[in-house]
């Protein structure tokens, strides 16, 4: 069952899980560019509260696990929108 479906149908099952445990539930269980784990994890992140996102970001920085940098990018990147301006440096 996709991670987002677990969250929607039985949030109590995963509410208190650490971010590395949540990633293990998603797809292949390892975040890689373009795989199902990444897309499932991103769908899940889009559905949780900002408090959960803050907790997950903190866990990425404090826990040592494979893919913590990728997970941190997924937690943070969608929430920042930057407008770029071309400029020259003198």
PDB file of N, CA and C in Angstrom:
ATOM      1  N   UNK A   1       0.855  -1.174   0.000  1.00  0.00           N
ATOM      2  CA  UNK A   1       0.000   0.000   0.000  1.00  0.00           C
ATOM      3  C   UNK A   1       0.900   1.236   0.000  1.00  0.00           C
ATOM      4  N   UNK A   2       0.642   2.190  -0.881  1.00  0.00           N
ATOM      5  CA  UNK A   2       1.451   3.413  -0.912  1.00  0.00           C
ATOM      6  C   UNK A   2       1.401   4.166   0.419  1.00  0.00           C
ATOM      7  N   UNK A   3       2.496   4.818   0.720  1.00  0.00           N
ATOM      8  CA  UNK A   3       2.634   5.562   1.974  1.00  0.00           C
ATOM      9  C   UNK A   3       1.500   6.564   2.175  1.00  0.00           C
ATOM     10  N   UNK A   4       1.110   7.258   1.131  1.00  0.00           N
ATOM     11  CA  UNK A   4       0.037   8.254   1.245  1.00  0.00           C
ATOM     12  C   UNK A   4      -1.287   7.588   1.629  1.00  0.00           C
ATOM     13  N   UNK A   5      -1.530   6.394   1.139  1.00  0.00           N
ATOM     14  CA  UNK A   5      -2.755   5.669   1.497  1.00  0.00           C
ATOM     15  C   UNK A   5      -2.741   5.246   2.959  1.00  0.00           C
ATOM     16  N   UNK A   6      -1.583   4.834   3.446  1.00  0.00           N
ATOM     17  CA  UNK A   6      -1.468   4.494   4.876  1.00  0.00           C
ATOM     18  C   UNK A   6      -1.778   5.740   5.703  1.00  0.00           C
ATOM     19  N   UNK A   7      -1.228   6.883   5.294  1.00  0.00           N
ATOM     20  CA  UNK A   7      -1.463   8.139   6.019  1.00  0.00           C
ATOM     21  C   UNK A   7      -2.943   8.513   6.026  1.00  0.00           C
ATOM     22  N   UNK A   8      -3.596   8.355   4.897  1.00  0.00           N
ATOM     23  CA  UNK A   8      -5.013   8.736   4.804  1.00  0.00           C
ATOM     24  C   UNK A   8      -5.935   7.764   5.540  1.00  0.00           C
ATOM     25  N   UNK A   9      -5.624   6.475   5.485  1.00  0.00           N
ATOM     26  CA  UNK A   9      -6.513   5.457   6.045  1.00  0.00           C
ATOM     27  C   UNK A   9      -6.195   5.076   7.489  1.00  0.00           C
ATOM     28  N   UNK A  10      -4.931   5.130   7.867  1.00  0.00           N
ATOM     29  CA  UNK A  10      -4.522   4.729   9.216  1.00  0.00           C
ATOM     30  C   UNK A  10      -3.378   5.602   9.707  1.00  0.00           C
ATOM     31  N   UNK A  11      -3.597   6.889   9.855  1.00  0.00           N
ATOM     32  CA  UNK A  11      -2.479   7.771  10.230  1.00  0.00           C
ATOM     33  C   UNK A  11      -1.809   7.380  11.542  1.00  0.00           C
ATOM     34  N   UNK A  12      -2.561   6.780  12.434  1.00  0.00           N
ATOM     35  CA  UNK A  12      -1.981   6.375  13.714  1.00  0.00           C
ATOM     36  C   UNK A  12      -0.874   5.336  13.536  1.00  0.00           C
ATOM     37  N   UNK A  13      -0.902   4.614  12.423  1.00  0.00           N
ATOM     38  CA  UNK A  13       0.117   3.604  12.140  1.00  0.00           C
ATOM     39  C   UNK A  13       1.491   4.219  11.913  1.00  0.00           C
ATOM     40  N   UNK A  14       1.529   5.422  11.354  1.00  0.00           N
ATOM     41  CA  UNK A  14       2.817   6.005  10.987  1.00  0.00           C
ATOM     42  C   UNK A  14       3.068   7.400  11.571  1.00  0.00           C
ATOM     43  N   UNK A  15       2.127   7.934  12.308  1.00  0.00           N
ATOM     44  CA  UNK A  15       2.231   9.300  12.830  1.00  0.00           C
ATOM     45  C   UNK A  15       3.514   9.532  13.626  1.00  0.00           C
ATOM     46  N   UNK A  16       3.923   8.573  14.422  1.00  0.00           N
ATOM     47  CA  UNK A  16       5.077   8.753  15.305  1.00  0.00           C
ATOM     48  C   UNK A  16       6.366   8.140  14.758  1.00  0.00           C
ATOM     49  N   UNK A  17       6.340   7.689  13.520  1.00  0.00           N
ATOM     50  CA  UNK A  17       7.530   7.093  12.915  1.00  0.00           C
ATOM     51  C   UNK A  17       8.551   8.179  12.571  1.00  0.00           C
ATOM     52  N   UNK A  18       9.820   7.822  12.677  1.00  0.00           N
ATOM     53  CA  UNK A  18      10.880   8.722  12.251  1.00  0.00           C
ATOM     54  C   UNK A  18      10.944   8.723  10.733  1.00  0.00           C
ATOM     55  N   UNK A  19      11.551   9.757  10.185  1.00  0.00           N
ATOM     56  CA  UNK A  19      11.555   9.931   8.743  1.00  0.00           C
ATOM     57  C   UNK A  19      12.204   8.758   8.012  1.00  0.00           C
ATOM     58  N   UNK A  20      13.269   8.198   8.552  1.00  0.00           N
ATOM     59  CA  UNK A  20      13.898   7.055   7.898  1.00  0.00           C
ATOM     60  C   UNK A  20      12.981   5.829   7.890  1.00  0.00           C
ATOM     61  N   UNK A  21      12.137   5.693   8.886  1.00  0.00           N
ATOM     62  CA  UNK A  21      11.166   4.604   8.917  1.00  0.00           C
ATOM     63  C   UNK A  21      10.072   4.838   7.877  1.00  0.00           C
ATOM     64  N   UNK A  22       9.657   6.081   7.715  1.00  0.00           N
ATOM     65  CA  UNK A  22       8.646   6.410   6.707  1.00  0.00           C
ATOM     66  C   UNK A  22       9.160   6.111   5.303  1.00  0.00           C
ATOM     67  N   UNK A  23      10.410   6.459   5.052  1.00  0.00           N
ATOM     68  CA  UNK A  23      11.008   6.195   3.742  1.00  0.00           C
ATOM     69  C   UNK A  23      11.008   4.698   3.463  1.00  0.00           C
ATOM     70  N   UNK A  24      11.248   3.889   4.485  1.00  0.00           N
ATOM     71  CA  UNK A  24      11.250   2.430   4.319  1.00  0.00           C
ATOM     72  C   UNK A  24       9.881   1.907   3.879  1.00  0.00           C
ATOM     73  N   UNK A  25       8.812   2.607   4.239  1.00  0.00           N
ATOM     74  CA  UNK A  25       7.455   2.225   3.830  1.00  0.00           C
ATOM     75  C   UNK A  25       7.159   2.603   2.378  1.00  0.00           C
ATOM     76  N   UNK A  26       7.913   3.546   1.836  1.00  0.00           N
ATOM     77  CA  UNK A  26       7.626   4.089   0.507  1.00  0.00           C
ATOM     78  C   UNK A  26       8.325   3.285  -0.590  1.00  0.00           C
ATOM     79  N   UNK A  27       7.565   2.821  -1.570  1.00  0.00           N
ATOM     80  CA  UNK A  27       8.129   2.156  -2.744  1.00  0.00           C
ATOM     81  C   UNK A  27       9.173   1.123  -2.407  1.00  0.00           C
ATOM     82  N   UNK A  28      10.374   1.299  -2.983  1.00  0.00           N
ATOM     83  CA  UNK A  28      11.482   0.372  -2.759  1.00  0.00           C
ATOM     84  C   UNK A  28      12.156   0.589  -1.405  1.00  0.00           C
ATOM     85  N   UNK A  29      11.778   1.657  -0.717  1.00  0.00           N
ATOM     86  CA  UNK A  29      12.335   1.925   0.601  1.00  0.00           C
ATOM     87  C   UNK A  29      13.632   2.715   0.587  1.00  0.00           C
ATOM     88  N   UNK A  30      14.095   3.104  -0.593  1.00  0.00           N
ATOM     89  CA  UNK A  30      15.325   3.876  -0.737  1.00  0.00           C
ATOM     90  C   UNK A  30      15.049   5.019  -1.706  1.00  0.00           C
ATOM     91  N   UNK A  31      15.379   6.239  -1.312  1.00  0.00           N
ATOM     92  CA  UNK A  31      15.157   7.394  -2.181  1.00  0.00           C
ATOM     93  C   UNK A  31      16.222   7.459  -3.266  1.00  0.00           C
ATOM     94  N   UNK A  32      15.773   7.491  -4.496  1.00  0.00           N
ATOM     95  CA  UNK A  32      16.645   7.691  -5.663  1.00  0.00           C
ATOM     96  C   UNK A  32      15.873   8.531  -6.658  1.00  0.00           C
ATOM     97  N   UNK A  33      16.598   9.271  -7.487  1.00  0.00           N
ATOM     98  CA  UNK A  33      15.938  10.103  -8.491  1.00  0.00           C
ATOM     99  C   UNK A  33      15.015   9.271  -9.365  1.00  0.00           C
ATOM    100  N   UNK A  34      13.750   9.661  -9.416  1.00  0.00           N
ATOM    101  CA  UNK A  34      12.790   9.050 -10.325  1.00  0.00           C
ATOM    102  C   UNK A  34      12.213   7.709  -9.912  1.00  0.00           C
ATOM    103  N   UNK A  35      12.539   7.198  -8.724  1.00  0.00           N
ATOM    104  CA  UNK A  35      11.956   5.905  -8.362  1.00  0.00           C
ATOM    105  C   UNK A  35      10.636   6.072  -7.608  1.00  0.00           C
ATOM    106  N   UNK A  36       9.950   4.963  -7.395  1.00  0.00           N
ATOM    107  CA  UNK A  36       8.627   5.042  -6.765  1.00  0.00           C
ATOM    108  C   UNK A  36       8.710   5.475  -5.302  1.00  0.00           C
ATOM    109  N   UNK A  37       9.804   5.148  -4.632  1.00  0.00           N
ATOM    110  CA  UNK A  37       9.951   5.585  -3.240  1.00  0.00           C
ATOM    111  C   UNK A  37       9.954   7.110  -3.169  1.00  0.00           C
ATOM    112  N   UNK A  38      10.663   7.745  -4.083  1.00  0.00           N
ATOM    113  CA  UNK A  38      10.725   9.210  -4.089  1.00  0.00           C
ATOM    114  C   UNK A  38       9.367   9.832  -4.362  1.00  0.00           C
ATOM    115  N   UNK A  39       8.656   9.311  -5.357  1.00  0.00           N
ATOM    116  CA  UNK A  39       7.348   9.903  -5.668  1.00  0.00           C
ATOM    117  C   UNK A  39       6.348   9.652  -4.554  1.00  0.00           C
ATOM    118  N   UNK A  40       6.360   8.478  -3.952  1.00  0.00           N
ATOM    119  CA  UNK A  40       5.451   8.191  -2.826  1.00  0.00           C
ATOM    120  C   UNK A  40       5.770   9.085  -1.637  1.00  0.00           C
ATOM    121  N   UNK A  41       7.065   9.244  -1.364  1.00  0.00           N
ATOM    122  CA  UNK A  41       7.487  10.052  -0.223  1.00  0.00           C
ATOM    123  C   UNK A  41       7.079  11.513  -0.428  1.00  0.00           C
ATOM    124  N   UNK A  42       7.264  12.027  -1.632  1.00  0.00           N
ATOM    125  CA  UNK A  42       6.883  13.412  -1.921  1.00  0.00           C
ATOM    126  C   UNK A  42       5.372  13.616  -1.827  1.00  0.00           C
ATOM    127  N   UNK A  43       4.599  12.641  -2.282  1.00  0.00           N
ATOM    128  CA  UNK A  43       3.138  12.733  -2.154  1.00  0.00           C
ATOM    129  C   UNK A  43       2.729  12.770  -0.688  1.00  0.00           C
ATOM    130  N   UNK A  44       3.380  11.949   0.099  1.00  0.00           N
ATOM    131  CA  UNK A  44       3.119  11.924   1.536  1.00  0.00           C
ATOM    132  C   UNK A  44       3.442  13.281   2.161  1.00  0.00           C
ATOM    133  N   UNK A  45       4.630  13.821   1.836  1.00  0.00           N
ATOM    134  CA  UNK A  45       5.043  15.100   2.418  1.00  0.00           C
ATOM    135  C   UNK A  45       4.082  16.224   2.073  1.00  0.00           C
ATOM    136  N   UNK A  46       3.491  16.164   0.896  1.00  0.00           N
ATOM    137  CA  UNK A  46       2.538  17.193   0.481  1.00  0.00           C
ATOM    138  C   UNK A  46       1.248  17.144   1.293  1.00  0.00           C
ATOM    139  N   UNK A  47       1.034  16.072   2.027  1.00  0.00           N
ATOM    140  CA  UNK A  47      -0.213  15.884   2.765  1.00  0.00           C
ATOM    141  C   UNK A  47      -0.093  16.074   4.272  1.00  0.00           C
ATOM    142  N   UNK A  48       1.115  16.283   4.766  1.00  0.00           N
ATOM    143  CA  UNK A  48       1.282  16.392   6.217  1.00  0.00           C
ATOM    144  C   UNK A  48       1.357  17.862   6.636  1.00  0.00           C
ATOM    145  N   UNK A  49       1.199  18.083   7.906  1.00  0.00           N
ATOM    146  CA  UNK A  49       1.204  19.454   8.447  1.00  0.00           C
ATOM    147  C   UNK A  49       2.613  20.040   8.459  1.00  0.00           C
ATOM    148  N   UNK A  50       2.673  21.349   8.606  1.00  0.00           N
ATOM    149  CA  UNK A  50       3.976  22.014   8.692  1.00  0.00           C
ATOM    150  C   UNK A  50       4.737  21.582   9.946  1.00  0.00           C
ATOM    151  N   UNK A  51       4.014  21.240  10.988  1.00  0.00           N
ATOM    152  CA  UNK A  51       4.671  20.744  12.204  1.00  0.00           C
ATOM    153  C   UNK A  51       5.390  19.424  11.930  1.00  0.00           C
ATOM    154  N   UNK A  52       4.738  18.548  11.162  1.00  0.00           N
ATOM    155  CA  UNK A  52       5.391  17.292  10.782  1.00  0.00           C
ATOM    156  C   UNK A  52       6.611  17.565   9.907  1.00  0.00           C
ATOM    157  N   UNK A  53       6.472  18.495   8.957  1.00  0.00           N
ATOM    158  CA  UNK A  53       7.600  18.822   8.078  1.00  0.00           C
ATOM    159  C   UNK A  53       8.785  19.342   8.882  1.00  0.00           C
ATOM    160  N   UNK A  54       8.517  20.182   9.854  1.00  0.00           N
ATOM    161  CA  UNK A  54       9.590  20.711  10.701  1.00  0.00           C
ATOM    162  C   UNK A  54      10.273  19.579  11.464  1.00  0.00           C
ATOM    163  N   UNK A  55       9.489  18.662  11.976  1.00  0.00           N
ATOM    164  CA  UNK A  55      10.054  17.520  12.693  1.00  0.00           C
ATOM    165  C   UNK A  55      10.911  16.664  11.770  1.00  0.00           C
ATOM    166  N   UNK A  56      10.405  16.410  10.550  1.00  0.00           N
ATOM    167  CA  UNK A  56      11.152  15.585   9.601  1.00  0.00           C
ATOM    168  C   UNK A  56      12.459  16.261   9.192  1.00  0.00           C
ATOM    169  N   UNK A  57      12.431  17.574   9.001  1.00  0.00           N
ATOM    170  CA  UNK A  57      13.656  18.294   8.656  1.00  0.00           C
ATOM    171  C   UNK A  57      14.683  18.166   9.781  1.00  0.00           C
ATOM    172  N   UNK A  58      14.224  18.321  10.995  1.00  0.00           N
ATOM    173  CA  UNK A  58      15.110  18.192  12.152  1.00  0.00           C
ATOM    174  C   UNK A  58      15.698  16.781  12.231  1.00  0.00           C
ATOM    175  N   UNK A  59      14.878  15.773  11.973  1.00  0.00           N
ATOM    176  CA  UNK A  59      15.361  14.390  12.011  1.00  0.00           C
ATOM    177  C   UNK A  59      16.413  14.151  10.925  1.00  0.00           C
ATOM    178  N   UNK A  60      16.220  14.749   9.759  1.00  0.00           N
ATOM    179  CA  UNK A  60      17.207  14.602   8.682  1.00  0.00           C
ATOM    180  C   UNK A  60      18.563  15.148   9.110  1.00  0.00           C
ATOM    181  N   UNK A  61      18.536  16.213   9.884  1.00  0.00           N
ATOM    182  CA  UNK A  61      19.779  16.833  10.330  1.00  0.00           C
ATOM    183  C   UNK A  61      20.397  16.123  11.529  1.00  0.00           C
ATOM    184  N   UNK A  62      19.581  15.505  12.352  1.00  0.00           N
ATOM    185  CA  UNK A  62      20.082  14.907  13.590  1.00  0.00           C
ATOM    186  C   UNK A  62      20.342  13.403  13.516  1.00  0.00           C
ATOM    187  N   UNK A  63      19.567  12.692  12.694  1.00  0.00           N
ATOM    188  CA  UNK A  63      19.737  11.243  12.588  1.00  0.00           C
ATOM    189  C   UNK A  63      20.722  10.935  11.472  1.00  0.00           C
ATOM    190  N   UNK A  64      21.478   9.898  11.646  1.00  0.00           N
ATOM    191  CA  UNK A  64      22.387   9.466  10.590  1.00  0.00           C
ATOM    192  C   UNK A  64      21.750   8.280   9.880  1.00  0.00           C
ATOM    193  N   UNK A  65      21.347   8.493   8.626  1.00  0.00           N
ATOM    194  CA  UNK A  65      20.797   7.401   7.829  1.00  0.00           C
ATOM    195  C   UNK A  65      21.086   7.664   6.364  1.00  0.00           C
ATOM    196  N   UNK A  66      21.174   6.594   5.591  1.00  0.00           N
ATOM    197  CA  UNK A  66      21.424   6.726   4.160  1.00  0.00           C
ATOM    198  C   UNK A  66      20.287   7.516   3.516  1.00  0.00           C
ATOM    199  N   UNK A  67      20.646   8.491   2.743  1.00  0.00           N
ATOM    200  CA  UNK A  67      19.641   9.283   2.048  1.00  0.00           C
ATOM    201  C   UNK A  67      19.095  10.443   2.850  1.00  0.00           C
ATOM    202  N   UNK A  68      19.709  10.767   3.975  1.00  0.00           N
ATOM    203  CA  UNK A  68      19.170  11.867   4.796  1.00  0.00           C
ATOM    204  C   UNK A  68      19.214  13.193   4.040  1.00  0.00           C
ATOM    205  N   UNK A  69      20.236  13.407   3.220  1.00  0.00           N
ATOM    206  CA  UNK A  69      20.322  14.637   2.434  1.00  0.00           C
ATOM    207  C   UNK A  69      19.220  14.723   1.394  1.00  0.00           C
ATOM    208  N   UNK A  70      18.955  13.593   0.726  1.00  0.00           N
ATOM    209  CA  UNK A  70      17.872  13.556  -0.262  1.00  0.00           C
ATOM    210  C   UNK A  70      16.524  13.786   0.416  1.00  0.00           C
ATOM    211  N   UNK A  71      16.346  13.175   1.567  1.00  0.00           N
ATOM    212  CA  UNK A  71      15.092  13.347   2.309  1.00  0.00           C
ATOM    213  C   UNK A  71      14.913  14.809   2.719  1.00  0.00           C
ATOM    214  N   UNK A  72      15.988  15.435   3.180  1.00  0.00           N
ATOM    215  CA  UNK A  72      15.911  16.834   3.586  1.00  0.00           C
ATOM    216  C   UNK A  72      15.524  17.718   2.405  1.00  0.00           C
ATOM    217  N   UNK A  73      16.094  17.441   1.242  1.00  0.00           N
ATOM    218  CA  UNK A  73      15.714  18.204   0.048  1.00  0.00           C
ATOM    219  C   UNK A  73      14.227  18.052  -0.251  1.00  0.00           C
ATOM    220  N   UNK A  74      13.721  16.831  -0.140  1.00  0.00           N
ATOM    221  CA  UNK A  74      12.303  16.594  -0.416  1.00  0.00           C
ATOM    222  C   UNK A  74      11.402  17.289   0.600  1.00  0.00           C
ATOM    223  N   UNK A  75      11.854  17.367   1.832  1.00  0.00           N
ATOM    224  CA  UNK A  75      11.066  18.031   2.876  1.00  0.00           C
ATOM    225  C   UNK A  75      11.047  19.537   2.651  1.00  0.00           C
ATOM    226  N   UNK A  76      12.174  20.108   2.290  1.00  0.00           N
ATOM    227  CA  UNK A  76      12.300  21.562   2.249  1.00  0.00           C
ATOM    228  C   UNK A  76      12.019  22.181   0.883  1.00  0.00           C
ATOM    229  N   UNK A  77      12.543  21.632  -0.178  1.00  0.00           N
ATOM    230  CA  UNK A  77      12.478  22.284  -1.493  1.00  0.00           C
ATOM    231  C   UNK A  77      11.085  22.696  -1.968  1.00  0.00           C
ATOM    232  N   UNK A  78      10.072  21.865  -1.855  1.00  0.00           N
ATOM    233  CA  UNK A  78       8.762  22.281  -2.385  1.00  0.00           C
ATOM    234  C   UNK A  78       8.156  23.498  -1.682  1.00  0.00           C
ATOM    235  N   UNK A  79       8.680  23.858  -0.550  1.00  0.00           N
ATOM    236  CA  UNK A  79       8.081  24.927   0.246  1.00  0.00           C
ATOM    237  C   UNK A  79       8.757  26.276   0.047  1.00  0.00           C
ATOM    238  N   UNK A  80       9.753  26.288  -0.836  1.00  0.00           N
ATOM    239  CA  UNK A  80      10.438  27.533  -1.144  1.00  0.00           C
ATOM    240  C   UNK A  80      10.316  27.798  -2.631  1.00  0.00           C
ATOM    241  N   UNK A  81       9.827  28.952  -2.961  1.00  0.00           N
ATOM    242  CA  UNK A  81       9.747  29.346  -4.365  1.00  0.00           C
ATOM    243  C   UNK A  81      10.561  30.619  -4.521  1.00  0.00           C
ATOM    244  N   UNK A  82      11.528  30.535  -5.399  1.00  0.00           N
ATOM    245  CA  UNK A  82      12.405  31.667  -5.613  1.00  0.00           C
ATOM    246  C   UNK A  82      12.206  32.212  -7.012  1.00  0.00           C
ATOM    247  N   UNK A  83      12.266  33.500  -7.109  1.00  0.00           N
ATOM    248  CA  UNK A  83      12.238  34.147  -8.413  1.00  0.00           C
ATOM    249  C   UNK A  83      13.689  34.493  -8.739  1.00  0.00           C
ATOM    250  N   UNK A  84      14.165  34.063  -9.878  1.00  0.00           N
ATOM    251  CA  UNK A  84      15.537  34.341 -10.241  1.00  0.00           C
ATOM    252  C   UNK A  84      15.596  35.551 -11.162  1.00  0.00           C
ATOM    253  N   UNK A  85      16.658  36.285 -11.020  1.00  0.00           N
ATOM    254  CA  UNK A  85      16.867  37.478 -11.831  1.00  0.00           C
ATOM    255  C   UNK A  85      18.266  37.378 -12.413  1.00  0.00           C
ATOM    256  N   UNK A  86      18.356  37.577 -13.738  1.00  0.00           N
ATOM    257  CA  UNK A  86      19.677  37.574 -14.352  1.00  0.00           C
ATOM    258  C   UNK A  86      20.424  38.814 -13.933  1.00  0.00           C
ATOM    259  N   UNK A  87      21.677  38.622 -13.596  1.00  0.00           N
ATOM    260  CA  UNK A  87      22.498  39.753 -13.184  1.00  0.00           C
ATOM    261  C   UNK A  87      23.941  39.496 -13.599  1.00  0.00           C
ATOM    262  N   UNK A  88      24.686  40.536 -13.657  1.00  0.00           N
ATOM    263  CA  UNK A  88      26.110  40.400 -13.920  1.00  0.00           C
ATOM    264  C   UNK A  88      26.863  40.792 -12.671  1.00  0.00           C
ATOM    265  N   UNK A  89      27.993  40.200 -12.509  1.00  0.00           N
ATOM    266  CA  UNK A  89      28.820  40.503 -11.353  1.00  0.00           C
ATOM    267  C   UNK A  89      29.977  41.365 -11.796  1.00  0.00           C
ATOM    268  N   UNK A  90      30.184  42.455 -11.134  1.00  0.00           N
ATOM    269  CA  UNK A  90      31.284  43.365 -11.488  1.00  0.00           C
ATOM    270  C   UNK A  90      32.518  43.049 -10.696  1.00  0.00           C
TER     271      UNK A  90
END
